Amino acid sequence: MKRTKSPVYSKRQNGLLRKIISSIAVAFLLAVSYPLFAAEKKVLILAGNGGTEEYRTKFYSQASQLRDLMMTKFGFAEQDITVLVETEADSLLEFSANDAKSVRSAFEQFNSNLTEDDALLVFIFGHGSFDGEWAKLNLTGPDLRDMDFANFLNKLPAKRQLLVNMASASGPFVEKVSKDGRIVVTATRNGIERNATRFADHFLRALEMDLDADLNKDGELSVTEAFIFARDNLIRDYEEKKQLRPEHPLLDDNGDGEGTETPDLLSGDGRLAANFLFRQQQQVPPRTSAANTEALSSAQKSILEQIDALKAQKDSMSEEAYYKALETLMIELAKQREN
């Protein structure tokens, strides 16, 4: 039986890490894999059960905020977005219940209404769990597994699919949901990272501050750009609070079921997500002029070279020592990007 890898950084990306920041800073979005004009995009926002009043309110607020951002920032209409929440948190009875039946019904509607050229964006907030085999999302009534979401998505005619699971213990979704042409983002790198995550707050901030998160300054926000913005701010969040970081987000978009915390635009994970834009009606991005190109600083080059050297030594190091050293370098890289 196949188990979720913990933690995972693809060996194929050795030697490419030094190119990450420079790749993102230039207009690589022109090398697209998706059509530049999307027919239509639909959104499913799912807020799981909170367990306490604090988290019921938090997950409901996050779902509501994301819905508003998709409409005000990215041109989605109200009818483009389906929101499912824990009903106890929805005092205005604005959204539908978050039970498994409602989730299945939503995907059945997408299956009927979407075409091959359309796209579906699925966002998940909540508490997750992992029993060693399946990762689950806590819902009203029976929970749904990672494999359930994979089956829902596999039945859709829409070929362009994005799933962002910001729940705890969401890492195993990468292996189970991964597929060619599908983008999967998780808040954790495995099922052991079970603390309530902060990644969701930083991902929402990336959408809210889309001009700042737009790293290549082409006027559009891609999934890769939002992920990197959220990841860097997450790292700084824990560093500023002098806390060990118990969550390590992953992005997978090449169908290998692994994922990485450092997506790359040249090959492997990150290239497909760089061409998946959040805007409803996707327009051809303008070419980025040389004046808008961010130079790779000597400090950033040095850190990326150290990461490259560290990855070459991985097999000779203990897992704990390797990831402790990598975390230190990731913190420094995030600080340099902020500067």
C-alpha atoms as a PDB file:
ATOM      1  CA  MET A   1       0.000   0.000   0.000  1.00  0.00           C
ATOM      2  CA  LYS A   2       1.377   3.359  -1.051  1.00  0.00           C
ATOM      3  CA  ARG A   3       2.076   5.786   1.796  1.00  0.00           C
ATOM      4  CA  THR A   4       2.353   9.541   1.761  1.00  0.00           C
ATOM      5  CA  LYS A   5       5.960  10.623   1.544  1.00  0.00           C
ATOM      6  CA  SER A   6       7.122  12.822   4.424  1.00  0.00           C
ATOM      7  CA  PRO A   7       8.568  15.350   3.763  1.00  0.00           C
ATOM      8  CA  VAL A   8       9.147  15.532  -0.025  1.00  0.00           C
ATOM      9  CA  TYR A   9      11.423  17.573  -2.246  1.00  0.00           C
ATOM     10  CA  SER A  10      11.868  16.097  -5.756  1.00  0.00           C
ATOM     11  CA  LYS A  11      15.458  15.183  -6.680  1.00  0.00           C
ATOM     12  CA  ARG A  12      14.746  16.346 -10.215  1.00  0.00           C
ATOM     13  CA  GLN A  13      14.875  19.911  -8.931  1.00  0.00           C
ATOM     14  CA  ASN A  14      18.535  19.637  -7.849  1.00  0.00           C
ATOM     15  CA  GLY A  15      20.531  22.307  -9.635  1.00  0.00           C
ATOM     16  CA  LEU A  16      17.425  24.346 -10.480  1.00  0.00           C
ATOM     17  CA  LEU A  17      16.775  26.081  -7.164  1.00  0.00           C
ATOM     18  CA  ARG A  18      19.124  28.963  -7.941  1.00  0.00           C
ATOM     19  CA  LYS A  19      16.813  29.813 -10.849  1.00  0.00           C
ATOM     20  CA  ILE A  20      13.588  29.995  -8.836  1.00  0.00           C
ATOM     21  CA  ILE A  21      13.522  33.672  -7.927  1.00  0.00           C
ATOM     22  CA  SER A  22      14.951  34.889 -11.230  1.00  0.00           C
ATOM     23  CA  SER A  23      12.490  32.696 -13.140  1.00  0.00           C
ATOM     24  CA  ILE A  24       9.558  34.137 -11.284  1.00  0.00           C
ATOM     25  CA  ALA A  25      10.822  37.693 -11.615  1.00  0.00           C
ATOM     26  CA  VAL A  26      10.744  37.546 -15.418  1.00  0.00           C
ATOM     27  CA  ALA A  27       7.837  37.022 -17.769  1.00  0.00           C
ATOM     28  CA  PHE A  28       7.823  33.273 -17.964  1.00  0.00           C
ATOM     29  CA  LEU A  29       4.034  33.224 -18.040  1.00  0.00           C
ATOM     30  CA  LEU A  30       4.155  33.494 -21.811  1.00  0.00           C
ATOM     31  CA  ALA A  31       5.316  29.893 -22.052  1.00  0.00           C
ATOM     32  CA  VAL A  32       1.823  28.662 -21.301  1.00  0.00           C
ATOM     33  CA  SER A  33       0.408  25.165 -21.136  1.00  0.00           C
ATOM     34  CA  TYR A  34      -3.209  26.304 -20.756  1.00  0.00           C
ATOM     35  CA  PRO A  35      -5.209  28.362 -23.261  1.00  0.00           C
ATOM     36  CA  LEU A  36      -4.735  32.076 -22.748  1.00  0.00           C
ATOM     37  CA  PHE A  37      -8.479  32.614 -22.936  1.00  0.00           C
ATOM     38  CA  ALA A  38     -10.415  30.557 -20.412  1.00  0.00           C
ATOM     39  CA  ALA A  39     -13.959  29.682 -21.368  1.00  0.00           C
ATOM     40  CA  GLU A  40     -15.267  29.870 -17.818  1.00  0.00           C
ATOM     41  CA  LYS A  41     -14.170  29.197 -14.265  1.00  0.00           C
ATOM     42  CA  LYS A  42     -16.271  27.944 -11.377  1.00  0.00           C
ATOM     43  CA  VAL A  43     -15.309  28.029  -7.712  1.00  0.00           C
ATOM     44  CA  LEU A  44     -16.124  25.721  -4.800  1.00  0.00           C
ATOM     45  CA  ILE A  45     -15.272  27.032  -1.330  1.00  0.00           C
ATOM     46  CA  LEU A  46     -15.604  24.445   1.431  1.00  0.00           C
ATOM     47  CA  ALA A  47     -15.274  25.311   5.127  1.00  0.00           C
ATOM     48  CA  GLY A  48     -15.028  22.241   7.340  1.00  0.00           C
ATOM     49  CA  ASN A  49     -16.269  21.865  10.891  1.00  0.00           C
ATOM     50  CA  GLY A  50     -14.507  23.973  13.496  1.00  0.00           C
ATOM     51  CA  GLY A  51     -15.116  21.881  16.606  1.00  0.00           C
ATOM     52  CA  THR A  52     -15.152  25.029  18.747  1.00  0.00           C
ATOM     53  CA  GLU A  53     -16.848  28.389  18.386  1.00  0.00           C
ATOM     54  CA  GLU A  54     -13.483  30.013  17.669  1.00  0.00           C
ATOM     55  CA  TYR A  55     -12.757  27.810  14.679  1.00  0.00           C
ATOM     56  CA  ARG A  56     -16.358  27.685  13.447  1.00  0.00           C
ATOM     57  CA  THR A  57     -16.211  31.465  13.193  1.00  0.00           C
ATOM     58  CA  LYS A  58     -12.706  31.443  11.721  1.00  0.00           C
ATOM     59  CA  PHE A  59     -13.434  28.941   8.930  1.00  0.00           C
ATOM     60  CA  TYR A  60     -16.707  30.648   8.069  1.00  0.00           C
ATOM     61  CA  SER A  61     -14.987  34.040   7.926  1.00  0.00           C
ATOM     62  CA  GLN A  62     -12.205  32.688   5.718  1.00  0.00           C
ATOM     63  CA  ALA A  63     -14.718  31.169   3.299  1.00  0.00           C
ATOM     64  CA  SER A  64     -16.734  34.378   3.191  1.00  0.00           C
ATOM     65  CA  GLN A  65     -13.606  36.500   2.693  1.00  0.00           C
ATOM     66  CA  LEU A  66     -12.425  34.313  -0.174  1.00  0.00           C
ATOM     67  CA  ARG A  67     -15.811  34.549  -1.859  1.00  0.00           C
ATOM     68  CA  ASP A  68     -15.696  38.353  -1.633  1.00  0.00           C
ATOM     69  CA  LEU A  69     -12.132  38.469  -2.987  1.00  0.00           C
ATOM     70  CA  MET A  70     -12.994  36.289  -5.968  1.00  0.00           C
ATOM     71  CA  MET A  71     -15.834  38.670  -6.855  1.00  0.00           C
ATOM     72  CA  THR A  72     -14.187  42.013  -6.116  1.00  0.00           C
ATOM     73  CA  LYS A  73     -10.612  41.266  -7.187  1.00  0.00           C
ATOM     74  CA  PHE A  74     -10.901  38.646  -9.896  1.00  0.00           C
ATOM     75  CA  GLY A  75     -14.182  39.268 -11.689  1.00  0.00           C
ATOM     76  CA  PHE A  76     -16.273  36.288 -10.585  1.00  0.00           C
ATOM     77  CA  ALA A  77     -20.045  36.616 -10.402  1.00  0.00           C
ATOM     78  CA  GLU A  78     -22.024  35.373  -7.437  1.00  0.00           C
ATOM     79  CA  GLN A  79     -23.418  32.477  -9.480  1.00  0.00           C
ATOM     80  CA  ASP A  80     -19.882  31.336 -10.316  1.00  0.00           C
ATOM     81  CA  ILE A  81     -19.157  30.500  -6.670  1.00  0.00           C
ATOM     82  CA  THR A  82     -20.534  27.718  -4.465  1.00  0.00           C
ATOM     83  CA  VAL A  83     -19.882  28.041  -0.719  1.00  0.00           C
ATOM     84  CA  LEU A  84     -20.456  25.236   1.816  1.00  0.00           C
ATOM     85  CA  VAL A  85     -20.016  25.933   5.540  1.00  0.00           C
ATOM     86  CA  GLU A  86     -20.836  24.585   8.973  1.00  0.00           C
ATOM     87  CA  THR A  87     -24.411  25.799   9.428  1.00  0.00           C
ATOM     88  CA  GLU A  88     -23.932  26.674  13.108  1.00  0.00           C
ATOM     89  CA  ALA A  89     -21.508  29.391  12.012  1.00  0.00           C
ATOM     90  CA  ASP A  90     -23.859  30.758   9.340  1.00  0.00           C
ATOM     91  CA  SER A  91     -26.299  32.881  11.348  1.00  0.00           C
ATOM     92  CA  LEU A  92     -27.570  34.605   8.173  1.00  0.00           C
ATOM     93  CA  LEU A  93     -28.247  31.250   6.453  1.00  0.00           C
ATOM     94  CA  GLU A  94     -26.322  32.614   3.485  1.00  0.00           C
ATOM     95  CA  PHE A  95     -24.585  29.403   2.411  1.00  0.00           C
ATOM     96  CA  SER A  96     -25.366  25.689   2.159  1.00  0.00           C
ATOM     97  CA  ALA A  97     -24.366  22.996   4.666  1.00  0.00           C
ATOM     98  CA  ASN A  98     -20.933  21.386   4.519  1.00  0.00           C
ATOM     99  CA  ASP A  99     -22.036  17.758   4.791  1.00  0.00           C
ATOM    100  CA  ALA A 100     -20.763  15.060   2.434  1.00  0.00           C
ATOM    101  CA  LYS A 101     -24.086  14.940   0.573  1.00  0.00           C
ATOM    102  CA  SER A 102     -23.869  18.655  -0.261  1.00  0.00           C
ATOM    103  CA  VAL A 103     -20.271  18.288  -1.438  1.00  0.00           C
ATOM    104  CA  ARG A 104     -21.228  15.408  -3.744  1.00  0.00           C
ATOM    105  CA  SER A 105     -24.191  17.396  -5.032  1.00  0.00           C
ATOM    106  CA  ALA A 106     -21.944  20.379  -5.821  1.00  0.00           C
ATOM    107  CA  PHE A 107     -19.564  18.209  -7.848  1.00  0.00           C
ATOM    108  CA  GLU A 108     -22.503  16.629  -9.662  1.00  0.00           C
ATOM    109  CA  GLN A 109     -23.626  20.110 -10.689  1.00  0.00           C
ATOM    110  CA  PHE A 110     -20.131  20.925 -11.929  1.00  0.00           C
ATOM    111  CA  ASN A 111     -20.097  17.652 -13.838  1.00  0.00           C
ATOM    112  CA  SER A 112     -23.306  18.689 -15.607  1.00  0.00           C
ATOM    113  CA  ASN A 113     -22.450  22.332 -16.236  1.00  0.00           C
ATOM    114  CA  LEU A 114     -18.729  22.443 -17.011  1.00  0.00           C
ATOM    115  CA  THR A 115     -17.178  21.730 -20.390  1.00  0.00           C
ATOM    116  CA  GLU A 116     -13.750  20.417 -21.301  1.00  0.00           C
ATOM    117  CA  ASP A 117     -12.464  23.970 -21.808  1.00  0.00           C
ATOM    118  CA  ASP A 118     -13.722  25.249 -18.438  1.00  0.00           C
ATOM    119  CA  ALA A 119     -11.870  25.299 -15.126  1.00  0.00           C
ATOM    120  CA  LEU A 120     -12.761  24.475 -11.524  1.00  0.00           C
ATOM    121  CA  LEU A 121     -11.098  26.017  -8.478  1.00  0.00           C
ATOM    122  CA  VAL A 122     -11.636  24.213  -5.149  1.00  0.00           C
ATOM    123  CA  PHE A 123     -10.588  25.842  -1.876  1.00  0.00           C
ATOM    124  CA  ILE A 124     -10.756  24.034   1.476  1.00  0.00           C
ATOM    125  CA  PHE A 125     -10.531  25.474   4.992  1.00  0.00           C
ATOM    126  CA  GLY A 126     -10.797  23.451   8.172  1.00  0.00           C
ATOM    127  CA  HIS A 127      -9.426  20.709  10.384  1.00  0.00           C
ATOM    128  CA  GLY A 128      -8.017  17.610   8.789  1.00  0.00           C
ATOM    129  CA  SER A 129      -6.956  14.227  10.128  1.00  0.00           C
ATOM    130  CA  PHE A 130      -4.798  11.330   8.973  1.00  0.00           C
ATOM    131  CA  ASP A 131      -5.097   7.685  10.049  1.00  0.00           C
ATOM    132  CA  GLY A 132      -1.964   6.446   8.324  1.00  0.00           C
ATOM    133  CA  GLU A 133      -3.790   5.625   5.109  1.00  0.00           C
ATOM    134  CA  TRP A 134      -6.344   8.334   4.362  1.00  0.00           C
ATOM    135  CA  ALA A 135      -6.351  12.057   5.001  1.00  0.00           C
ATOM    136  CA  LYS A 136      -9.823  13.350   5.820  1.00  0.00           C
ATOM    137  CA  LEU A 137     -11.604  16.685   6.096  1.00  0.00           C
ATOM    138  CA  ASN A 138     -13.811  17.124   9.159  1.00  0.00           C
ATOM    139  CA  LEU A 139     -17.379  17.783   7.995  1.00  0.00           C
ATOM    140  CA  THR A 140     -20.887  17.696   9.404  1.00  0.00           C
ATOM    141  CA  GLY A 141     -21.672  13.985   9.488  1.00  0.00           C
ATOM    142  CA  PRO A 142     -19.302  11.563   7.728  1.00  0.00           C
ATOM    143  CA  ASP A 143     -15.944  13.012   6.744  1.00  0.00           C
ATOM    144  CA  LEU A 144     -14.594  12.903   3.195  1.00  0.00           C
ATOM    145  CA  ARG A 145     -11.215  11.356   2.332  1.00  0.00           C
ATOM    146  CA  ASP A 146      -8.492  12.543   0.001  1.00  0.00           C
ATOM    147  CA  MET A 147      -9.474   9.751  -2.392  1.00  0.00           C
ATOM    148  CA  ASP A 148     -13.086  10.967  -2.395  1.00  0.00           C
ATOM    149  CA  PHE A 149     -11.967  14.367  -3.671  1.00  0.00           C
ATOM    150  CA  ALA A 150      -9.760  12.673  -6.265  1.00  0.00           C
ATOM    151  CA  ASN A 151     -12.785  10.713  -7.516  1.00  0.00           C
ATOM    152  CA  PHE A 152     -14.947  13.852  -7.638  1.00  0.00           C
ATOM    153  CA  LEU A 153     -12.352  15.664  -9.730  1.00  0.00           C
ATOM    154  CA  ASN A 154     -11.653  12.692 -11.994  1.00  0.00           C
ATOM    155  CA  LYS A 155     -15.285  12.622 -13.141  1.00  0.00           C
ATOM    156  CA  LEU A 156     -15.327  16.257 -14.281  1.00  0.00           C
ATOM    157  CA  PRO A 157     -15.126  17.144 -17.972  1.00  0.00           C
ATOM    158  CA  ALA A 158     -13.144  20.314 -17.141  1.00  0.00           C
ATOM    159  CA  LYS A 159      -9.471  19.599 -17.766  1.00  0.00           C
ATOM    160  CA  ARG A 160      -8.130  22.584 -15.824  1.00  0.00           C
ATOM    161  CA  GLN A 161      -8.450  21.917 -12.120  1.00  0.00           C
ATOM    162  CA  LEU A 162      -7.034  23.556  -9.007  1.00  0.00           C
ATOM    163  CA  LEU A 163      -7.418  22.188  -5.474  1.00  0.00           C
ATOM    164  CA  VAL A 164      -6.068  24.224  -2.545  1.00  0.00           C
ATOM    165  CA  ASN A 165      -6.460  22.369   0.742  1.00  0.00           C
ATOM    166  CA  MET A 166      -5.528  24.697   3.589  1.00  0.00           C
ATOM    167  CA  ALA A 167      -6.575  22.330   6.369  1.00  0.00           C
ATOM    168  CA  SER A 168      -4.283  20.635   8.865  1.00  0.00           C
ATOM    169  CA  ALA A 169      -2.902  17.182   7.935  1.00  0.00           C
ATOM    170  CA  SER A 170      -3.627  17.977   4.278  1.00  0.00           C
ATOM    171  CA  GLY A 171      -0.276  16.781   2.874  1.00  0.00           C
ATOM    172  CA  PRO A 172      -1.479  13.292   1.815  1.00  0.00           C
ATOM    173  CA  PHE A 173      -3.886  14.977  -0.628  1.00  0.00           C
ATOM    174  CA  VAL A 174      -0.856  15.620  -2.859  1.00  0.00           C
ATOM    175  CA  GLU A 175      -0.235  11.932  -3.495  1.00  0.00           C
ATOM    176  CA  LYS A 176      -3.880  10.898  -3.766  1.00  0.00           C
ATOM    177  CA  VAL A 177      -5.228  13.813  -5.817  1.00  0.00           C
ATOM    178  CA  SER A 178      -2.212  14.448  -8.070  1.00  0.00           C
ATOM    179  CA  LYS A 179      -2.821  14.034 -11.797  1.00  0.00           C
ATOM    180  CA  ASP A 180      -1.403  15.390 -15.054  1.00  0.00           C
ATOM    181  CA  GLY A 181      -2.903  18.818 -15.707  1.00  0.00           C
ATOM    182  CA  ARG A 182      -4.159  19.229 -12.138  1.00  0.00           C
ATOM    183  CA  ILE A 183      -2.724  21.656  -9.577  1.00  0.00           C
ATOM    184  CA  VAL A 184      -2.746  20.597  -5.924  1.00  0.00           C
ATOM    185  CA  VAL A 185      -1.710  22.870  -3.055  1.00  0.00           C
ATOM    186  CA  THR A 186      -1.667  21.745   0.578  1.00  0.00           C
ATOM    187  CA  ALA A 187      -0.907  23.565   3.818  1.00  0.00           C
ATOM    188  CA  THR A 188       1.236  20.713   5.167  1.00  0.00           C
ATOM    189  CA  ARG A 189       3.744  18.281   3.690  1.00  0.00           C
ATOM    190  CA  ASN A 190       2.340  15.194   5.408  1.00  0.00           C
ATOM    191  CA  GLY A 191      -0.445  13.909   7.651  1.00  0.00           C
ATOM    192  CA  ILE A 192       1.603  14.331  10.816  1.00  0.00           C
ATOM    193  CA  GLU A 193       1.453  18.149  10.738  1.00  0.00           C
ATOM    194  CA  ARG A 194      -1.890  18.298  12.533  1.00  0.00           C
ATOM    195  CA  ASN A 195      -1.855  21.722  14.178  1.00  0.00           C
ATOM    196  CA  ALA A 196      -4.357  24.287  12.932  1.00  0.00           C
ATOM    197  CA  THR A 197      -2.616  25.982  10.023  1.00  0.00           C
ATOM    198  CA  ARG A 198      -1.789  29.624   9.369  1.00  0.00           C
ATOM    199  CA  PHE A 199      -1.201  29.046   5.661  1.00  0.00           C
ATOM    200  CA  ALA A 200      -4.829  29.895   4.870  1.00  0.00           C
ATOM    201  CA  ASP A 201      -4.463  33.406   6.314  1.00  0.00           C
ATOM    202  CA  HIS A 202      -1.367  34.074   4.235  1.00  0.00           C
ATOM    203  CA  PHE A 203      -2.899  32.619   1.079  1.00  0.00           C
ATOM    204  CA  LEU A 204      -5.895  34.918   1.496  1.00  0.00           C
ATOM    205  CA  ARG A 205      -3.486  37.796   2.024  1.00  0.00           C
ATOM    206  CA  ALA A 206      -1.823  36.941  -1.294  1.00  0.00           C
ATOM    207  CA  LEU A 207      -5.183  37.284  -3.057  1.00  0.00           C
ATOM    208  CA  GLU A 208      -6.027  40.458  -1.158  1.00  0.00           C
ATOM    209  CA  MET A 209      -2.628  42.021  -1.893  1.00  0.00           C
ATOM    210  CA  ASP A 210      -2.518  40.729  -5.459  1.00  0.00           C
ATOM    211  CA  LEU A 211      -0.383  43.637  -6.719  1.00  0.00           C
ATOM    212  CA  ASP A 212       2.322  42.839  -4.155  1.00  0.00           C
ATOM    213  CA  ALA A 213       2.042  39.089  -4.730  1.00  0.00           C
ATOM    214  CA  ASP A 214       2.317  39.613  -8.506  1.00  0.00           C
ATOM    215  CA  LEU A 215       6.042  38.887  -8.604  1.00  0.00           C
ATOM    216  CA  ASN A 216       6.653  39.479 -12.312  1.00  0.00           C
ATOM    217  CA  LYS A 217       4.490  42.644 -12.315  1.00  0.00           C
ATOM    218  CA  ASP A 218       2.431  41.646 -15.353  1.00  0.00           C
ATOM    219  CA  GLY A 219      -0.864  42.700 -13.733  1.00  0.00           C
ATOM    220  CA  GLU A 220      -2.090  39.130 -13.140  1.00  0.00           C
ATOM    221  CA  LEU A 221      -1.818  36.782 -10.157  1.00  0.00           C
ATOM    222  CA  SER A 222      -0.941  33.148 -10.800  1.00  0.00           C
ATOM    223  CA  VAL A 223      -1.219  30.180  -8.442  1.00  0.00           C
ATOM    224  CA  THR A 224       2.570  29.894  -8.237  1.00  0.00           C
ATOM    225  CA  GLU A 225       2.895  33.573  -7.309  1.00  0.00           C
ATOM    226  CA  ALA A 226       0.197  33.291  -4.632  1.00  0.00           C
ATOM    227  CA  PHE A 227       1.852  30.167  -3.227  1.00  0.00           C
ATOM    228  CA  ILE A 228       5.304  31.775  -3.005  1.00  0.00           C
ATOM    229  CA  PHE A 229       3.897  34.953  -1.436  1.00  0.00           C
ATOM    230  CA  ALA A 230       1.963  32.898   1.142  1.00  0.00           C
ATOM    231  CA  ARG A 231       4.905  30.602   1.854  1.00  0.00           C
ATOM    232  CA  ASP A 232       7.369  33.448   2.422  1.00  0.00           C
ATOM    233  CA  ASN A 233       4.988  35.320   4.702  1.00  0.00           C
ATOM    234  CA  LEU A 234       4.237  32.102   6.600  1.00  0.00           C
ATOM    235  CA  ILE A 235       7.960  31.555   7.209  1.00  0.00           C
ATOM    236  CA  ARG A 236       8.399  35.137   8.413  1.00  0.00           C
ATOM    237  CA  ASP A 237       5.325  34.807  10.640  1.00  0.00           C
ATOM    238  CA  TYR A 238       6.834  31.937  12.639  1.00  0.00           C
ATOM    239  CA  GLU A 239      10.311  33.438  12.585  1.00  0.00           C
ATOM    240  CA  GLU A 240       9.127  36.782  13.973  1.00  0.00           C
ATOM    241  CA  LYS A 241       7.272  34.961  16.765  1.00  0.00           C
ATOM    242  CA  LYS A 242      10.395  32.861  17.490  1.00  0.00           C
ATOM    243  CA  GLN A 243       8.385  29.673  16.929  1.00  0.00           C
ATOM    244  CA  LEU A 244       9.296  26.427  15.207  1.00  0.00           C
ATOM    245  CA  ARG A 245       7.314  26.079  11.997  1.00  0.00           C
ATOM    246  CA  PRO A 246       4.945  23.071  12.217  1.00  0.00           C
ATOM    247  CA  GLU A 247       3.513  23.443   8.690  1.00  0.00           C
ATOM    248  CA  HIS A 248       5.256  23.205   5.343  1.00  0.00           C
ATOM    249  CA  PRO A 249       3.015  23.881   2.326  1.00  0.00           C
ATOM    250  CA  LEU A 250       3.433  21.960  -0.912  1.00  0.00           C
ATOM    251  CA  LEU A 251       2.577  22.588  -4.548  1.00  0.00           C
ATOM    252  CA  ASP A 252       2.241  19.766  -7.080  1.00  0.00           C
ATOM    253  CA  ASP A 253       1.323  20.330 -10.723  1.00  0.00           C
ATOM    254  CA  ASN A 254       3.264  17.753 -12.726  1.00  0.00           C
ATOM    255  CA  GLY A 255       1.281  14.675 -11.706  1.00  0.00           C
ATOM    256  CA  ASP A 256       4.105  12.890  -9.873  1.00  0.00           C
ATOM    257  CA  GLY A 257       2.292  12.859  -6.518  1.00  0.00           C
ATOM    258  CA  GLU A 258       5.141  14.476  -4.613  1.00  0.00           C
ATOM    259  CA  GLY A 259       5.045  18.268  -4.498  1.00  0.00           C
ATOM    260  CA  THR A 260       7.558  20.843  -3.354  1.00  0.00           C
ATOM    261  CA  GLU A 261       7.816  23.870  -1.105  1.00  0.00           C
ATOM    262  CA  THR A 262      10.042  25.574  -3.671  1.00  0.00           C
ATOM    263  CA  PRO A 263       8.220  25.485  -7.033  1.00  0.00           C
ATOM    264  CA  ASP A 264      10.210  26.050 -10.208  1.00  0.00           C
ATOM    265  CA  LEU A 265       9.064  27.427 -13.560  1.00  0.00           C
ATOM    266  CA  LEU A 266      11.595  25.660 -15.745  1.00  0.00           C
ATOM    267  CA  SER A 267      10.602  22.063 -15.052  1.00  0.00           C
ATOM    268  CA  GLY A 268       8.831  19.984 -12.443  1.00  0.00           C
ATOM    269  CA  ASP A 269       6.335  21.529 -10.068  1.00  0.00           C
ATOM    270  CA  GLY A 270       5.418  25.187 -10.530  1.00  0.00           C
ATOM    271  CA  ARG A 271       5.411  25.738 -14.268  1.00  0.00           C
ATOM    272  CA  LEU A 272       1.793  24.746 -14.855  1.00  0.00           C
ATOM    273  CA  ALA A 273       0.582  26.704 -11.816  1.00  0.00           C
ATOM    274  CA  ALA A 274       2.426  29.794 -13.087  1.00  0.00           C
ATOM    275  CA  ASN A 275       0.038  29.851 -16.047  1.00  0.00           C
ATOM    276  CA  PHE A 276      -3.145  29.302 -14.053  1.00  0.00           C
ATOM    277  CA  LEU A 277      -4.404  32.812 -13.290  1.00  0.00           C
ATOM    278  CA  PHE A 278      -7.076  33.658 -10.742  1.00  0.00           C
ATOM    279  CA  ARG A 279      -8.920  36.130 -12.935  1.00  0.00           C
ATOM    280  CA  GLN A 280     -12.244  34.847 -14.284  1.00  0.00           C
ATOM    281  CA  GLN A 281     -11.748  35.988 -17.866  1.00  0.00           C
ATOM    282  CA  GLN A 282      -8.086  35.297 -18.466  1.00  0.00           C
ATOM    283  CA  GLN A 283      -6.390  37.824 -20.724  1.00  0.00           C
ATOM    284  CA  VAL A 284      -3.058  37.553 -22.516  1.00  0.00           C
ATOM    285  CA  PRO A 285      -0.465  38.889 -20.044  1.00  0.00           C
ATOM    286  CA  PRO A 286       1.624  41.770 -21.363  1.00  0.00           C
ATOM    287  CA  ARG A 287       5.319  41.238 -21.848  1.00  0.00           C
ATOM    288  CA  THR A 288       7.363  42.378 -18.912  1.00  0.00           C
ATOM    289  CA  SER A 289       9.912  45.003 -19.871  1.00  0.00           C
ATOM    290  CA  ALA A 290      13.513  44.859 -18.749  1.00  0.00           C
ATOM    291  CA  ALA A 291      12.781  47.765 -16.416  1.00  0.00           C
ATOM    292  CA  ASN A 292      10.293  45.598 -14.500  1.00  0.00           C
ATOM    293  CA  THR A 293      12.638  42.624 -14.183  1.00  0.00           C
ATOM    294  CA  GLU A 294      13.849  42.086 -10.637  1.00  0.00           C
ATOM    295  CA  ALA A 295      17.558  41.315 -10.419  1.00  0.00           C
ATOM    296  CA  LEU A 296      18.724  38.356  -8.399  1.00  0.00           C
ATOM    297  CA  SER A 297      20.791  39.857  -5.580  1.00  0.00           C
ATOM    298  CA  SER A 298      24.165  38.468  -4.604  1.00  0.00           C
ATOM    299  CA  ALA A 299      22.723  37.511  -1.220  1.00  0.00           C
ATOM    300  CA  GLN A 300      19.888  35.552  -2.861  1.00  0.00           C
ATOM    301  CA  LYS A 301      22.358  33.838  -5.186  1.00  0.00           C
ATOM    302  CA  SER A 302      24.478  32.844  -2.211  1.00  0.00           C
ATOM    303  CA  ILE A 303      21.506  31.358  -0.335  1.00  0.00           C
ATOM    304  CA  LEU A 304      20.301  29.429  -3.381  1.00  0.00           C
ATOM    305  CA  GLU A 305      23.801  28.066  -3.930  1.00  0.00           C
ATOM    306  CA  GLN A 306      23.846  26.914  -0.296  1.00  0.00           C
ATOM    307  CA  ILE A 307      20.465  25.214  -0.765  1.00  0.00           C
ATOM    308  CA  ASP A 308      21.795  23.526  -3.889  1.00  0.00           C
ATOM    309  CA  ALA A 309      24.870  22.298  -2.014  1.00  0.00           C
ATOM    310  CA  LEU A 310      22.730  21.112   0.898  1.00  0.00           C
ATOM    311  CA  LYS A 311      20.477  19.080  -1.405  1.00  0.00           C
ATOM    312  CA  ALA A 312      23.558  17.387  -2.854  1.00  0.00           C
ATOM    313  CA  GLN A 313      24.464  16.247   0.688  1.00  0.00           C
ATOM    314  CA  LYS A 314      20.957  15.053   1.615  1.00  0.00           C
ATOM    315  CA  ASP A 315      21.661  11.331   1.294  1.00  0.00           C
ATOM    316  CA  SER A 316      24.585  11.578   3.701  1.00  0.00           C
ATOM    317  CA  MET A 317      22.627  13.489   6.365  1.00  0.00           C
ATOM    318  CA  SER A 318      19.956  12.480   8.836  1.00  0.00           C
ATOM    319  CA  GLU A 319      16.457  13.634   7.898  1.00  0.00           C
ATOM    320  CA  GLU A 320      16.265  15.838  10.988  1.00  0.00           C
ATOM    321  CA  ALA A 321      19.597  17.546  10.279  1.00  0.00           C
ATOM    322  CA  TYR A 322      18.777  18.059   6.609  1.00  0.00           C
ATOM    323  CA  TYR A 323      15.406  19.710   7.169  1.00  0.00           C
ATOM    324  CA  LYS A 324      16.705  21.809  10.050  1.00  0.00           C
ATOM    325  CA  ALA A 325      19.445  23.191   7.796  1.00  0.00           C
ATOM    326  CA  LEU A 326      16.994  23.672   4.921  1.00  0.00           C
ATOM    327  CA  GLU A 327      14.562  25.529   7.178  1.00  0.00           C
ATOM    328  CA  THR A 328      17.308  27.947   8.222  1.00  0.00           C
ATOM    329  CA  LEU A 329      18.119  28.716   4.591  1.00  0.00           C
ATOM    330  CA  MET A 330      14.417  29.084   3.678  1.00  0.00           C
ATOM    331  CA  ILE A 331      14.029  31.661   6.460  1.00  0.00           C
ATOM    332  CA  GLU A 332      16.977  33.637   5.107  1.00  0.00           C
ATOM    333  CA  LEU A 333      15.602  33.434   1.561  1.00  0.00           C
ATOM    334  CA  ALA A 334      12.213  34.747   2.734  1.00  0.00           C
ATOM    335  CA  LYS A 335      13.924  37.653   4.497  1.00  0.00           C
ATOM    336  CA  GLN A 336      15.897  38.519   1.373  1.00  0.00           C
ATOM    337  CA  ARG A 337      12.726  38.538  -0.739  1.00  0.00           C
ATOM    338  CA  GLU A 338      11.095  40.907   1.746  1.00  0.00           C
ATOM    339  CA  ASN A 339      14.117  43.225   1.501  1.00  0.00           C
END
